[in-house]
């Protein structure tokens, strides 16, 4: 139970702190963003990008949330790579396999030099 609480707390801290640093995605994706979306498709993910996801404060498109999470993944991989999968699963409410796909797509598009948190060497 304590591990779950700690993971949830760290996930929240990572996502809240890092999302503030991420620029808001526009309707016209940047080249990096388009590479990210292409990588998601190669990973077998085909989300409805225009779907609105509403939180307690505001609604955002899934496209914007994925871009924010993609950038947050790269920021977190430098400081706490083992927590990244937990954070992606919690923030996007996806399965571990889908989280792996998001992380791989993020790494290839935004930070190819970052470690793979799913490898045993991390």
PDB file of N, CA and C in Angstrom:
ATOM      1  N   UNK A   1       0.817  -1.186   0.000  1.00  0.00           N
ATOM      2  CA  UNK A   1       0.000   0.000   0.000  1.00  0.00           C
ATOM      3  C   UNK A   1       0.864   1.254   0.000  1.00  0.00           C
ATOM      4  N   UNK A   2       1.925   1.269   0.800  1.00  0.00           N
ATOM      5  CA  UNK A   2       2.795   2.435   0.853  1.00  0.00           C
ATOM      6  C   UNK A   2       3.479   2.685  -0.482  1.00  0.00           C
ATOM      7  N   UNK A   3       3.848   1.624  -1.176  1.00  0.00           N
ATOM      8  CA  UNK A   3       4.474   1.784  -2.488  1.00  0.00           C
ATOM      9  C   UNK A   3       3.504   2.407  -3.481  1.00  0.00           C
ATOM     10  N   UNK A   4       2.243   1.949  -3.429  1.00  0.00           N
ATOM     11  CA  UNK A   4       1.242   2.496  -4.338  1.00  0.00           C
ATOM     12  C   UNK A   4       1.009   3.968  -4.060  1.00  0.00           C
ATOM     13  N   UNK A   5       0.932   4.338  -2.789  1.00  0.00           N
ATOM     14  CA  UNK A   5       0.729   5.723  -2.408  1.00  0.00           C
ATOM     15  C   UNK A   5       1.916   6.578  -2.840  1.00  0.00           C
ATOM     16  N   UNK A   6       3.116   6.073  -2.637  1.00  0.00           N
ATOM     17  CA  UNK A   6       4.319   6.786  -3.046  1.00  0.00           C
ATOM     18  C   UNK A   6       4.358   6.957  -4.562  1.00  0.00           C
ATOM     19  N   UNK A   7       4.046   5.898  -5.300  1.00  0.00           N
ATOM     20  CA  UNK A   7       4.038   5.977  -6.760  1.00  0.00           C
ATOM     21  C   UNK A   7       3.006   6.983  -7.235  1.00  0.00           C
ATOM     22  N   UNK A   8       1.846   6.983  -6.628  1.00  0.00           N
ATOM     23  CA  UNK A   8       0.800   7.932  -7.018  1.00  0.00           C
ATOM     24  C   UNK A   8       1.231   9.364  -6.714  1.00  0.00           C
ATOM     25  N   UNK A   9       1.837   9.569  -5.572  1.00  0.00           N
ATOM     26  CA  UNK A   9       2.288  10.912  -5.196  1.00  0.00           C
ATOM     27  C   UNK A   9       3.380  11.405  -6.145  1.00  0.00           C
ATOM     28  N   UNK A  10       4.345  10.553  -6.431  1.00  0.00           N
ATOM     29  CA  UNK A  10       5.418  10.942  -7.348  1.00  0.00           C
ATOM     30  C   UNK A  10       4.891  11.189  -8.749  1.00  0.00           C
ATOM     31  N   UNK A  11       3.956  10.369  -9.171  1.00  0.00           N
ATOM     32  CA  UNK A  11       3.343  10.545 -10.478  1.00  0.00           C
ATOM     33  C   UNK A  11       2.658  11.897 -10.574  1.00  0.00           C
ATOM     34  N   UNK A  12       1.929  12.239  -9.534  1.00  0.00           N
ATOM     35  CA  UNK A  12       1.234  13.520  -9.512  1.00  0.00           C
ATOM     36  C   UNK A  12       2.220  14.672  -9.530  1.00  0.00           C
ATOM     37  N   UNK A  13       3.264  14.573  -8.720  1.00  0.00           N
ATOM     38  CA  UNK A  13       4.268  15.629  -8.695  1.00  0.00           C
ATOM     39  C   UNK A  13       4.948  15.791 -10.044  1.00  0.00           C
ATOM     40  N   UNK A  14       5.326  14.678 -10.650  1.00  0.00           N
ATOM     41  CA  UNK A  14       5.974  14.737 -11.954  1.00  0.00           C
ATOM     42  C   UNK A  14       5.063  15.373 -12.991  1.00  0.00           C
ATOM     43  N   UNK A  15       3.831  14.920 -13.032  1.00  0.00           N
ATOM     44  CA  UNK A  15       2.927  15.414 -14.068  1.00  0.00           C
ATOM     45  C   UNK A  15       2.571  16.872 -13.838  1.00  0.00           C
ATOM     46  N   UNK A  16       2.303  17.264 -12.609  1.00  0.00           N
ATOM     47  CA  UNK A  16       1.925  18.653 -12.332  1.00  0.00           C
ATOM     48  C   UNK A  16       3.094  19.593 -12.569  1.00  0.00           C
ATOM     49  N   UNK A  17       4.256  19.211 -12.112  1.00  0.00           N
ATOM     50  CA  UNK A  17       5.423  20.078 -12.270  1.00  0.00           C
ATOM     51  C   UNK A  17       5.897  20.179 -13.695  1.00  0.00           C
ATOM     52  N   UNK A  18       5.816  19.109 -14.438  1.00  0.00           N
ATOM     53  CA  UNK A  18       6.345  19.106 -15.787  1.00  0.00           C
ATOM     54  C   UNK A  18       5.367  19.658 -16.814  1.00  0.00           C
ATOM     55  N   UNK A  19       4.079  19.490 -16.577  1.00  0.00           N
ATOM     56  CA  UNK A  19       3.099  20.001 -17.528  1.00  0.00           C
ATOM     57  C   UNK A  19       3.177  21.517 -17.602  1.00  0.00           C
ATOM     58  N   UNK A  20       3.505  22.164 -16.504  1.00  0.00           N
ATOM     59  CA  UNK A  20       3.614  23.618 -16.508  1.00  0.00           C
ATOM     60  C   UNK A  20       4.759  24.081 -17.400  1.00  0.00           C
ATOM     61  N   UNK A  21       5.758  23.238 -17.614  1.00  0.00           N
ATOM     62  CA  UNK A  21       6.903  23.597 -18.434  1.00  0.00           C
ATOM     63  C   UNK A  21       6.697  23.311 -19.914  1.00  0.00           C
ATOM     64  N   UNK A  22       5.645  22.584 -20.251  1.00  0.00           N
ATOM     65  CA  UNK A  22       5.421  22.148 -21.621  1.00  0.00           C
ATOM     66  C   UNK A  22       4.567  23.163 -22.365  1.00  0.00           C
ATOM     67  N   UNK A  23       5.004  23.603 -23.536  1.00  0.00           N
ATOM     68  CA  UNK A  23       4.179  24.529 -24.296  1.00  0.00           C
ATOM     69  C   UNK A  23       2.900  23.844 -24.766  1.00  0.00           C
ATOM     70  N   UNK A  24       1.846  24.602 -24.879  1.00  0.00           N
ATOM     71  CA  UNK A  24       0.570  24.051 -25.321  1.00  0.00           C
ATOM     72  C   UNK A  24       0.657  23.716 -26.804  1.00  0.00           C
ATOM     73  N   UNK A  25       0.150  22.551 -27.170  1.00  0.00           N
ATOM     74  CA  UNK A  25       0.181  22.113 -28.565  1.00  0.00           C
ATOM     75  C   UNK A  25      -0.840  22.915 -29.363  1.00  0.00           C
ATOM     76  N   UNK A  26      -0.504  23.202 -30.587  1.00  0.00           N
ATOM     77  CA  UNK A  26      -1.419  23.941 -31.441  1.00  0.00           C
ATOM     78  C   UNK A  26      -2.143  22.978 -32.370  1.00  0.00           C
ATOM     79  N   UNK A  27      -3.123  23.502 -33.089  1.00  0.00           N
ATOM     80  CA  UNK A  27      -3.871  22.672 -34.029  1.00  0.00           C
ATOM     81  C   UNK A  27      -2.968  22.180 -35.153  1.00  0.00           C
ATOM     82  N   UNK A  28      -1.959  22.953 -35.480  1.00  0.00           N
ATOM     83  CA  UNK A  28      -1.003  22.565 -36.512  1.00  0.00           C
ATOM     84  C   UNK A  28       0.236  22.014 -35.809  1.00  0.00           C
ATOM     85  N   UNK A  29       0.391  20.681 -35.767  1.00  0.00           N
ATOM     86  CA  UNK A  29       1.497  20.110 -34.987  1.00  0.00           C
ATOM     87  C   UNK A  29       2.864  20.467 -35.564  1.00  0.00           C
ATOM     88  N   UNK A  30       3.825  20.625 -34.649  1.00  0.00           N
ATOM     89  CA  UNK A  30       5.198  20.863 -35.073  1.00  0.00           C
ATOM     90  C   UNK A  30       5.725  19.600 -35.736  1.00  0.00           C
ATOM     91  N   UNK A  31       6.892  19.715 -36.337  1.00  0.00           N
ATOM     92  CA  UNK A  31       7.509  18.554 -36.972  1.00  0.00           C
ATOM     93  C   UNK A  31       7.743  17.447 -35.945  1.00  0.00           C
ATOM     94  N   UNK A  32       8.251  17.818 -34.753  1.00  0.00           N
ATOM     95  CA  UNK A  32       8.469  16.818 -33.703  1.00  0.00           C
ATOM     96  C   UNK A  32       7.157  16.156 -33.294  1.00  0.00           C
ATOM     97  N   UNK A  33       6.103  16.978 -33.177  1.00  0.00           N
ATOM     98  CA  UNK A  33       4.801  16.426 -32.800  1.00  0.00           C
ATOM     99  C   UNK A  33       4.289  15.466 -33.866  1.00  0.00           C
ATOM    100  N   UNK A  34       4.482  15.817 -35.129  1.00  0.00           N
ATOM    101  CA  UNK A  34       4.022  14.934 -36.198  1.00  0.00           C
ATOM    102  C   UNK A  34       4.799  13.616 -36.169  1.00  0.00           C
ATOM    103  N   UNK A  35       6.096  13.685 -35.882  1.00  0.00           N
ATOM    104  CA  UNK A  35       6.894  12.460 -35.736  1.00  0.00           C
ATOM    105  C   UNK A  35       6.342  11.633 -34.575  1.00  0.00           C
ATOM    106  N   UNK A  36       5.986  12.294 -33.483  1.00  0.00           N
ATOM    107  CA  UNK A  36       5.398  11.614 -32.327  1.00  0.00           C
ATOM    108  C   UNK A  36       4.111  10.896 -32.727  1.00  0.00           C
ATOM    109  N   UNK A  37       3.215  11.600 -33.434  1.00  0.00           N
ATOM    110  CA  UNK A  37       1.951  10.984 -33.859  1.00  0.00           C
ATOM    111  C   UNK A  37       2.197   9.826 -34.820  1.00  0.00           C
ATOM    112  N   UNK A  38       3.160   9.984 -35.730  1.00  0.00           N
ATOM    113  CA  UNK A  38       3.515   8.900 -36.648  1.00  0.00           C
ATOM    114  C   UNK A  38       4.052   7.697 -35.878  1.00  0.00           C
ATOM    115  N   UNK A  39       4.875   7.967 -34.854  1.00  0.00           N
ATOM    116  CA  UNK A  39       5.420   6.888 -34.028  1.00  0.00           C
ATOM    117  C   UNK A  39       4.321   6.172 -33.250  1.00  0.00           C
ATOM    118  N   UNK A  40       3.336   6.925 -32.757  1.00  0.00           N
ATOM    119  CA  UNK A  40       2.205   6.289 -32.072  1.00  0.00           C
ATOM    120  C   UNK A  40       1.489   5.331 -33.014  1.00  0.00           C
ATOM    121  N   UNK A  41       1.294   5.766 -34.253  1.00  0.00           N
ATOM    122  CA  UNK A  41       0.630   4.906 -35.242  1.00  0.00           C
ATOM    123  C   UNK A  41       1.461   3.656 -35.512  1.00  0.00           C
ATOM    124  N   UNK A  42       2.796   3.817 -35.620  1.00  0.00           N
ATOM    125  CA  UNK A  42       3.676   2.664 -35.838  1.00  0.00           C
ATOM    126  C   UNK A  42       3.615   1.700 -34.656  1.00  0.00           C
ATOM    127  N   UNK A  43       3.374   2.234 -33.460  1.00  0.00           N
ATOM    128  CA  UNK A  43       3.263   1.402 -32.255  1.00  0.00           C
ATOM    129  C   UNK A  43       1.894   0.728 -32.170  1.00  0.00           C
ATOM    130  N   UNK A  44       1.013   1.066 -33.105  1.00  0.00           N
ATOM    131  CA  UNK A  44      -0.307   0.449 -33.121  1.00  0.00           C
ATOM    132  C   UNK A  44      -1.382   1.224 -32.380  1.00  0.00           C
ATOM    133  N   UNK A  45      -1.058   2.450 -31.958  1.00  0.00           N
ATOM    134  CA  UNK A  45      -2.049   3.280 -31.270  1.00  0.00           C
ATOM    135  C   UNK A  45      -2.668   4.247 -32.274  1.00  0.00           C
ATOM    136  N   UNK A  46      -3.973   4.265 -32.314  1.00  0.00           N
ATOM    137  CA  UNK A  46      -4.704   5.149 -33.226  1.00  0.00           C
ATOM    138  C   UNK A  46      -5.807   5.854 -32.444  1.00  0.00           C
ATOM    139  N   UNK A  47      -5.406   6.750 -31.520  1.00  0.00           N
ATOM    140  CA  UNK A  47      -6.412   7.409 -30.683  1.00  0.00           C
ATOM    141  C   UNK A  47      -7.238   8.426 -31.473  1.00  0.00           C
ATOM    142  N   UNK A  48      -8.370   8.762 -30.920  1.00  0.00           N
ATOM    143  CA  UNK A  48      -9.217   9.818 -31.490  1.00  0.00           C
ATOM    144  C   UNK A  48      -8.672  11.138 -30.959  1.00  0.00           C
ATOM    145  N   UNK A  49      -7.798  11.768 -31.712  1.00  0.00           N
ATOM    146  CA  UNK A  49      -7.073  12.946 -31.240  1.00  0.00           C
ATOM    147  C   UNK A  49      -7.968  14.115 -30.877  1.00  0.00           C
ATOM    148  N   UNK A  50      -9.112  14.252 -31.519  1.00  0.00           N
ATOM    149  CA  UNK A  50      -9.994  15.386 -31.249  1.00  0.00           C
ATOM    150  C   UNK A  50     -10.919  15.152 -30.059  1.00  0.00           C
ATOM    151  N   UNK A  51     -10.889  13.969 -29.491  1.00  0.00           N
ATOM    152  CA  UNK A  51     -11.723  13.648 -28.330  1.00  0.00           C
ATOM    153  C   UNK A  51     -11.358  14.589 -27.179  1.00  0.00           C
ATOM    154  N   UNK A  52     -12.358  15.141 -26.543  1.00  0.00           N
ATOM    155  CA  UNK A  52     -12.140  16.046 -25.418  1.00  0.00           C
ATOM    156  C   UNK A  52     -12.060  15.246 -24.119  1.00  0.00           C
ATOM    157  N   UNK A  53     -11.034  15.488 -23.344  1.00  0.00           N
ATOM    158  CA  UNK A  53     -10.836  14.858 -22.048  1.00  0.00           C
ATOM    159  C   UNK A  53     -11.014  15.964 -21.004  1.00  0.00           C
ATOM    160  N   UNK A  54     -11.957  15.764 -20.118  1.00  0.00           N
ATOM    161  CA  UNK A  54     -12.258  16.792 -19.123  1.00  0.00           C
ATOM    162  C   UNK A  54     -11.770  16.367 -17.753  1.00  0.00           C
ATOM    163  N   UNK A  55     -11.003  17.244 -17.149  1.00  0.00           N
ATOM    164  CA  UNK A  55     -10.550  17.040 -15.786  1.00  0.00           C
ATOM    165  C   UNK A  55     -11.366  17.907 -14.855  1.00  0.00           C
ATOM    166  N   UNK A  56     -10.886  18.089 -13.655  1.00  0.00           N
ATOM    167  CA  UNK A  56     -11.634  18.885 -12.682  1.00  0.00           C
ATOM    168  C   UNK A  56     -11.587  20.374 -12.998  1.00  0.00           C
ATOM    169  N   UNK A  57     -10.573  20.818 -13.735  1.00  0.00           N
ATOM    170  CA  UNK A  57     -10.438  22.243 -14.019  1.00  0.00           C
ATOM    171  C   UNK A  57     -10.789  22.643 -15.446  1.00  0.00           C
ATOM    172  N   UNK A  58     -10.480  21.788 -16.425  1.00  0.00           N
ATOM    173  CA  UNK A  58     -10.733  22.170 -17.811  1.00  0.00           C
ATOM    174  C   UNK A  58     -10.767  20.949 -18.707  1.00  0.00           C
ATOM    175  N   UNK A  59     -11.192  21.163 -19.930  1.00  0.00           N
ATOM    176  CA  UNK A  59     -11.202  20.110 -20.944  1.00  0.00           C
ATOM    177  C   UNK A  59     -10.107  20.404 -21.969  1.00  0.00           C
ATOM    178  N   UNK A  60      -9.451  19.344 -22.433  1.00  0.00           N
ATOM    179  CA  UNK A  60      -8.419  19.469 -23.455  1.00  0.00           C
ATOM    180  C   UNK A  60      -8.584  18.333 -24.445  1.00  0.00           C
ATOM    181  N   UNK A  61      -8.067  18.551 -25.646  1.00  0.00           N
ATOM    182  CA  UNK A  61      -8.124  17.477 -26.634  1.00  0.00           C
ATOM    183  C   UNK A  61      -7.100  16.402 -26.266  1.00  0.00           C
ATOM    184  N   UNK A  62      -7.395  15.189 -26.667  1.00  0.00           N
ATOM    185  CA  UNK A  62      -6.461  14.090 -26.425  1.00  0.00           C
ATOM    186  C   UNK A  62      -5.127  14.377 -27.107  1.00  0.00           C
ATOM    187  N   UNK A  63      -5.162  15.029 -28.264  1.00  0.00           N
ATOM    188  CA  UNK A  63      -3.938  15.415 -28.974  1.00  0.00           C
ATOM    189  C   UNK A  63      -3.035  16.247 -28.062  1.00  0.00           C
ATOM    190  N   UNK A  64      -3.602  17.289 -27.436  1.00  0.00           N
ATOM    191  CA  UNK A  64      -2.818  18.162 -26.560  1.00  0.00           C
ATOM    192  C   UNK A  64      -2.276  17.400 -25.358  1.00  0.00           C
ATOM    193  N   UNK A  65      -3.116  16.557 -24.776  1.00  0.00           N
ATOM    194  CA  UNK A  65      -2.680  15.784 -23.612  1.00  0.00           C
ATOM    195  C   UNK A  65      -1.546  14.825 -23.957  1.00  0.00           C
ATOM    196  N   UNK A  66      -1.629  14.190 -25.115  1.00  0.00           N
ATOM    197  CA  UNK A  66      -0.561  13.270 -25.530  1.00  0.00           C
ATOM    198  C   UNK A  66       0.748  14.015 -25.757  1.00  0.00           C
ATOM    199  N   UNK A  67       0.688  15.179 -26.384  1.00  0.00           N
ATOM    200  CA  UNK A  67       1.911  15.966 -26.608  1.00  0.00           C
ATOM    201  C   UNK A  67       2.502  16.387 -25.269  1.00  0.00           C
ATOM    202  N   UNK A  68       1.662  16.862 -24.358  1.00  0.00           N
ATOM    203  CA  UNK A  68       2.148  17.248 -23.028  1.00  0.00           C
ATOM    204  C   UNK A  68       2.800  16.059 -22.324  1.00  0.00           C
ATOM    205  N   UNK A  69       2.156  14.916 -22.381  1.00  0.00           N
ATOM    206  CA  UNK A  69       2.701  13.729 -21.729  1.00  0.00           C
ATOM    207  C   UNK A  69       3.989  13.281 -22.413  1.00  0.00           C
ATOM    208  N   UNK A  70       4.046  13.395 -23.736  1.00  0.00           N
ATOM    209  CA  UNK A  70       5.267  13.043 -24.458  1.00  0.00           C
ATOM    210  C   UNK A  70       6.460  13.869 -24.008  1.00  0.00           C
ATOM    211  N   UNK A  71       6.256  15.168 -23.844  1.00  0.00           N
ATOM    212  CA  UNK A  71       7.329  16.041 -23.356  1.00  0.00           C
ATOM    213  C   UNK A  71       7.650  15.747 -21.891  1.00  0.00           C
ATOM    214  N   UNK A  72       6.620  15.475 -21.095  1.00  0.00           N
ATOM    215  CA  UNK A  72       6.832  15.152 -19.685  1.00  0.00           C
ATOM    216  C   UNK A  72       7.635  13.857 -19.539  1.00  0.00           C
ATOM    217  N   UNK A  73       7.372  12.894 -20.423  1.00  0.00           N
ATOM    218  CA  UNK A  73       8.133  11.637 -20.421  1.00  0.00           C
ATOM    219  C   UNK A  73       9.612  11.938 -20.579  1.00  0.00           C
ATOM    220  N   UNK A  74       9.951  12.764 -21.550  1.00  0.00           N
ATOM    221  CA  UNK A  74      11.364  13.063 -21.801  1.00  0.00           C
ATOM    222  C   UNK A  74      12.005  13.784 -20.622  1.00  0.00           C
ATOM    223  N   UNK A  75      11.277  14.704 -20.016  1.00  0.00           N
ATOM    224  CA  UNK A  75      11.824  15.405 -18.852  1.00  0.00           C
ATOM    225  C   UNK A  75      12.048  14.445 -17.691  1.00  0.00           C
ATOM    226  N   UNK A  76      11.109  13.560 -17.460  1.00  0.00           N
ATOM    227  CA  UNK A  76      11.200  12.633 -16.326  1.00  0.00           C
ATOM    228  C   UNK A  76      12.227  11.525 -16.555  1.00  0.00           C
ATOM    229  N   UNK A  77      12.467  11.159 -17.797  1.00  0.00           N
ATOM    230  CA  UNK A  77      13.434  10.081 -18.058  1.00  0.00           C
ATOM    231  C   UNK A  77      14.825  10.456 -17.573  1.00  0.00           C
ATOM    232  N   UNK A  78      15.134  11.735 -17.537  1.00  0.00           N
ATOM    233  CA  UNK A  78      16.446  12.174 -17.068  1.00  0.00           C
ATOM    234  C   UNK A  78      16.603  12.093 -15.561  1.00  0.00           C
ATOM    235  N   UNK A  79      15.496  12.209 -14.828  1.00  0.00           N
ATOM    236  CA  UNK A  79      15.601  12.246 -13.373  1.00  0.00           C
ATOM    237  C   UNK A  79      15.068  10.995 -12.674  1.00  0.00           C
ATOM    238  N   UNK A  80      14.021  10.403 -13.205  1.00  0.00           N
ATOM    239  CA  UNK A  80      13.432   9.234 -12.530  1.00  0.00           C
ATOM    240  C   UNK A  80      12.822   8.278 -13.554  1.00  0.00           C
ATOM    241  N   UNK A  81      13.671   7.634 -14.354  1.00  0.00           N
ATOM    242  CA  UNK A  81      13.162   6.805 -15.445  1.00  0.00           C
ATOM    243  C   UNK A  81      12.274   5.642 -15.006  1.00  0.00           C
ATOM    244  N   UNK A  82      12.490   5.100 -13.840  1.00  0.00           N
ATOM    245  CA  UNK A  82      11.678   3.951 -13.418  1.00  0.00           C
ATOM    246  C   UNK A  82      10.244   4.339 -13.057  1.00  0.00           C
ATOM    247  N   UNK A  83      10.015   5.611 -12.777  1.00  0.00           N
ATOM    248  CA  UNK A  83       8.669   6.061 -12.444  1.00  0.00           C
ATOM    249  C   UNK A  83       7.872   6.472 -13.671  1.00  0.00           C
ATOM    250  N   UNK A  84       8.542   6.622 -14.805  1.00  0.00           N
ATOM    251  CA  UNK A  84       7.864   7.091 -16.012  1.00  0.00           C
ATOM    252  C   UNK A  84       6.707   6.177 -16.425  1.00  0.00           C
ATOM    253  N   UNK A  85       6.890   4.858 -16.485  1.00  0.00           N
ATOM    254  CA  UNK A  85       5.749   4.016 -16.870  1.00  0.00           C
ATOM    255  C   UNK A  85       4.541   4.185 -15.949  1.00  0.00           C
ATOM    256  N   UNK A  86       4.788   4.264 -14.648  1.00  0.00           N
ATOM    257  CA  UNK A  86       3.701   4.440 -13.684  1.00  0.00           C
ATOM    258  C   UNK A  86       2.993   5.768 -13.934  1.00  0.00           C
ATOM    259  N   UNK A  87       3.772   6.797 -14.185  1.00  0.00           N
ATOM    260  CA  UNK A  87       3.208   8.122 -14.439  1.00  0.00           C
ATOM    261  C   UNK A  87       2.350   8.136 -15.701  1.00  0.00           C
ATOM    262  N   UNK A  88       2.842   7.540 -16.779  1.00  0.00           N
ATOM    263  CA  UNK A  88       2.083   7.516 -18.032  1.00  0.00           C
ATOM    264  C   UNK A  88       0.788   6.734 -17.858  1.00  0.00           C
ATOM    265  N   UNK A  89       0.864   5.600 -17.184  1.00  0.00           N
ATOM    266  CA  UNK A  89      -0.331   4.781 -16.946  1.00  0.00           C
ATOM    267  C   UNK A  89      -1.362   5.595 -16.160  1.00  0.00           C
ATOM    268  N   UNK A  90      -0.908   6.286 -15.118  1.00  0.00           N
ATOM    269  CA  UNK A  90      -1.829   7.058 -14.276  1.00  0.00           C
ATOM    270  C   UNK A  90      -2.378   8.288 -14.997  1.00  0.00           C
ATOM    271  N   UNK A  91      -1.508   9.019 -15.684  1.00  0.00           N
ATOM    272  CA  UNK A  91      -1.926  10.273 -16.309  1.00  0.00           C
ATOM    273  C   UNK A  91      -2.832  10.070 -17.511  1.00  0.00           C
ATOM    274  N   UNK A  92      -2.561   9.051 -18.301  1.00  0.00           N
ATOM    275  CA  UNK A  92      -3.350   8.826 -19.508  1.00  0.00           C
ATOM    276  C   UNK A  92      -4.400   7.725 -19.328  1.00  0.00           C
ATOM    277  N   UNK A  93      -4.358   7.049 -18.171  1.00  0.00           N
ATOM    278  CA  UNK A  93      -5.273   5.948 -17.890  1.00  0.00           C
ATOM    279  C   UNK A  93      -5.228   4.912 -19.010  1.00  0.00           C
ATOM    280  N   UNK A  94      -4.012   4.411 -19.266  1.00  0.00           N
ATOM    281  CA  UNK A  94      -3.776   3.421 -20.317  1.00  0.00           C
ATOM    282  C   UNK A  94      -3.219   2.143 -19.697  1.00  0.00           C
ATOM    283  N   UNK A  95      -3.171   1.099 -20.494  1.00  0.00           N
ATOM    284  CA  UNK A  95      -2.592  -0.165 -20.051  1.00  0.00           C
ATOM    285  C   UNK A  95      -1.064  -0.053 -20.055  1.00  0.00           C
ATOM    286  N   UNK A  96      -0.368  -0.968 -19.397  1.00  0.00           N
ATOM    287  CA  UNK A  96       1.089  -0.948 -19.452  1.00  0.00           C
ATOM    288  C   UNK A  96       1.629  -1.045 -20.890  1.00  0.00           C
ATOM    289  N   UNK A  97       0.988  -1.845 -21.737  1.00  0.00           N
ATOM    290  CA  UNK A  97       1.449  -1.951 -23.128  1.00  0.00           C
ATOM    291  C   UNK A  97       1.266  -0.630 -23.879  1.00  0.00           C
ATOM    292  N   UNK A  98       0.149   0.024 -23.643  1.00  0.00           N
ATOM    293  CA  UNK A  98      -0.083   1.323 -24.292  1.00  0.00           C
ATOM    294  C   UNK A  98       0.896   2.371 -23.759  1.00  0.00           C
ATOM    295  N   UNK A  99       1.191   2.313 -22.461  1.00  0.00           N
ATOM    296  CA  UNK A  99       2.171   3.234 -21.872  1.00  0.00           C
ATOM    297  C   UNK A  99       3.535   3.025 -22.515  1.00  0.00           C
ATOM    298  N   UNK A 100       3.908   1.774 -22.716  1.00  0.00           N
ATOM    299  CA  UNK A 100       5.182   1.462 -23.363  1.00  0.00           C
ATOM    300  C   UNK A 100       5.224   2.075 -24.764  1.00  0.00           C
ATOM    301  N   UNK A 101       4.117   1.963 -25.491  1.00  0.00           N
ATOM    302  CA  UNK A 101       4.044   2.535 -26.841  1.00  0.00           C
ATOM    303  C   UNK A 101       4.177   4.054 -26.800  1.00  0.00           C
ATOM    304  N   UNK A 102       3.524   4.699 -25.849  1.00  0.00           N
ATOM    305  CA  UNK A 102       3.609   6.165 -25.714  1.00  0.00           C
ATOM    306  C   UNK A 102       5.033   6.579 -25.371  1.00  0.00           C
ATOM    307  N   UNK A 103       5.657   5.850 -24.456  1.00  0.00           N
ATOM    308  CA  UNK A 103       7.033   6.171 -24.051  1.00  0.00           C
ATOM    309  C   UNK A 103       7.988   5.989 -25.214  1.00  0.00           C
ATOM    310  N   UNK A 104       7.871   4.889 -25.937  1.00  0.00           N
ATOM    311  CA  UNK A 104       8.745   4.667 -27.098  1.00  0.00           C
ATOM    312  C   UNK A 104       8.549   5.748 -28.151  1.00  0.00           C
ATOM    313  N   UNK A 105       7.304   6.101 -28.435  1.00  0.00           N
ATOM    314  CA  UNK A 105       7.023   7.153 -29.421  1.00  0.00           C
ATOM    315  C   UNK A 105       7.584   8.491 -28.945  1.00  0.00           C
ATOM    316  N   UNK A 106       7.459   8.775 -27.670  1.00  0.00           N
ATOM    317  CA  UNK A 106       7.987  10.018 -27.100  1.00  0.00           C
ATOM    318  C   UNK A 106       9.500  10.073 -27.224  1.00  0.00           C
ATOM    319  N   UNK A 107      10.152   8.983 -26.860  1.00  0.00           N
ATOM    320  CA  UNK A 107      11.617   8.943 -26.924  1.00  0.00           C
ATOM    321  C   UNK A 107      12.103   9.161 -28.342  1.00  0.00           C
ATOM    322  N   UNK A 108      11.477   8.484 -29.299  1.00  0.00           N
ATOM    323  CA  UNK A 108      11.935   8.612 -30.694  1.00  0.00           C
ATOM    324  C   UNK A 108      11.684  10.010 -31.248  1.00  0.00           C
ATOM    325  N   UNK A 109      10.600  10.664 -30.841  1.00  0.00           N
ATOM    326  CA  UNK A 109      10.258  11.976 -31.383  1.00  0.00           C
ATOM    327  C   UNK A 109      10.953  13.127 -30.660  1.00  0.00           C
ATOM    328  N   UNK A 110      10.992  13.055 -29.335  1.00  0.00           N
ATOM    329  CA  UNK A 110      11.420  14.215 -28.558  1.00  0.00           C
ATOM    330  C   UNK A 110      12.781  14.069 -27.871  1.00  0.00           C
ATOM    331  N   UNK A 111      13.196  12.844 -27.568  1.00  0.00           N
ATOM    332  CA  UNK A 111      14.450  12.679 -26.808  1.00  0.00           C
ATOM    333  C   UNK A 111      15.089  11.321 -27.096  1.00  0.00           C
ATOM    334  N   UNK A 112      15.579  11.130 -28.309  1.00  0.00           N
ATOM    335  CA  UNK A 112      16.117   9.815 -28.684  1.00  0.00           C
ATOM    336  C   UNK A 112      17.300   9.351 -27.829  1.00  0.00           C
ATOM    337  N   UNK A 113      17.956  10.266 -27.134  1.00  0.00           N
ATOM    338  CA  UNK A 113      19.109   9.895 -26.300  1.00  0.00           C
ATOM    339  C   UNK A 113      18.694   9.387 -24.925  1.00  0.00           C
ATOM    340  N   UNK A 114      17.431   9.516 -24.561  1.00  0.00           N
ATOM    341  CA  UNK A 114      16.971   9.124 -23.228  1.00  0.00           C
ATOM    342  C   UNK A 114      16.898   7.609 -23.067  1.00  0.00           C
ATOM    343  N   UNK A 115      17.057   7.141 -21.825  1.00  0.00           N
ATOM    344  CA  UNK A 115      17.029   5.693 -21.562  1.00  0.00           C
ATOM    345  C   UNK A 115      15.623   5.106 -21.713  1.00  0.00           C
ATOM    346  N   UNK A 116      15.581   3.827 -21.974  1.00  0.00           N
ATOM    347  CA  UNK A 116      14.315   3.102 -22.050  1.00  0.00           C
ATOM    348  C   UNK A 116      13.988   2.592 -20.649  1.00  0.00           C
ATOM    349  N   UNK A 117      12.922   3.090 -20.031  1.00  0.00           N
ATOM    350  CA  UNK A 117      12.627   2.662 -18.657  1.00  0.00           C
ATOM    351  C   UNK A 117      12.177   1.204 -18.566  1.00  0.00           C
ATOM    352  N   UNK A 118      11.906   0.571 -19.703  1.00  0.00           N
ATOM    353  CA  UNK A 118      11.481  -0.819 -19.687  1.00  0.00           C
ATOM    354  C   UNK A 118      12.653  -1.782 -19.836  1.00  0.00           C
ATOM    355  N   UNK A 119      13.830  -1.272 -20.182  1.00  0.00           N
ATOM    356  CA  UNK A 119      14.981  -2.169 -20.316  1.00  0.00           C
ATOM    357  C   UNK A 119      15.506  -2.521 -18.933  1.00  0.00           C
ATOM    358  N   UNK A 120      16.116  -3.656 -18.815  1.00  0.00           N
ATOM    359  CA  UNK A 120      16.655  -4.097 -17.516  1.00  0.00           C
ATOM    360  C   UNK A 120      17.859  -3.279 -17.109  1.00  0.00           C
ATOM    361  N   UNK A 121      18.507  -2.607 -18.054  1.00  0.00           N
ATOM    362  CA  UNK A 121      19.715  -1.839 -17.737  1.00  0.00           C
ATOM    363  C   UNK A 121      19.385  -0.520 -17.058  1.00  0.00           C
ATOM    364  N   UNK A 122      18.134  -0.044 -17.113  1.00  0.00           N
ATOM    365  CA  UNK A 122      17.773   1.252 -16.516  1.00  0.00           C
ATOM    366  C   UNK A 122      17.870   1.212 -15.014  1.00  0.00           C
TER     367      UNK A 122
END
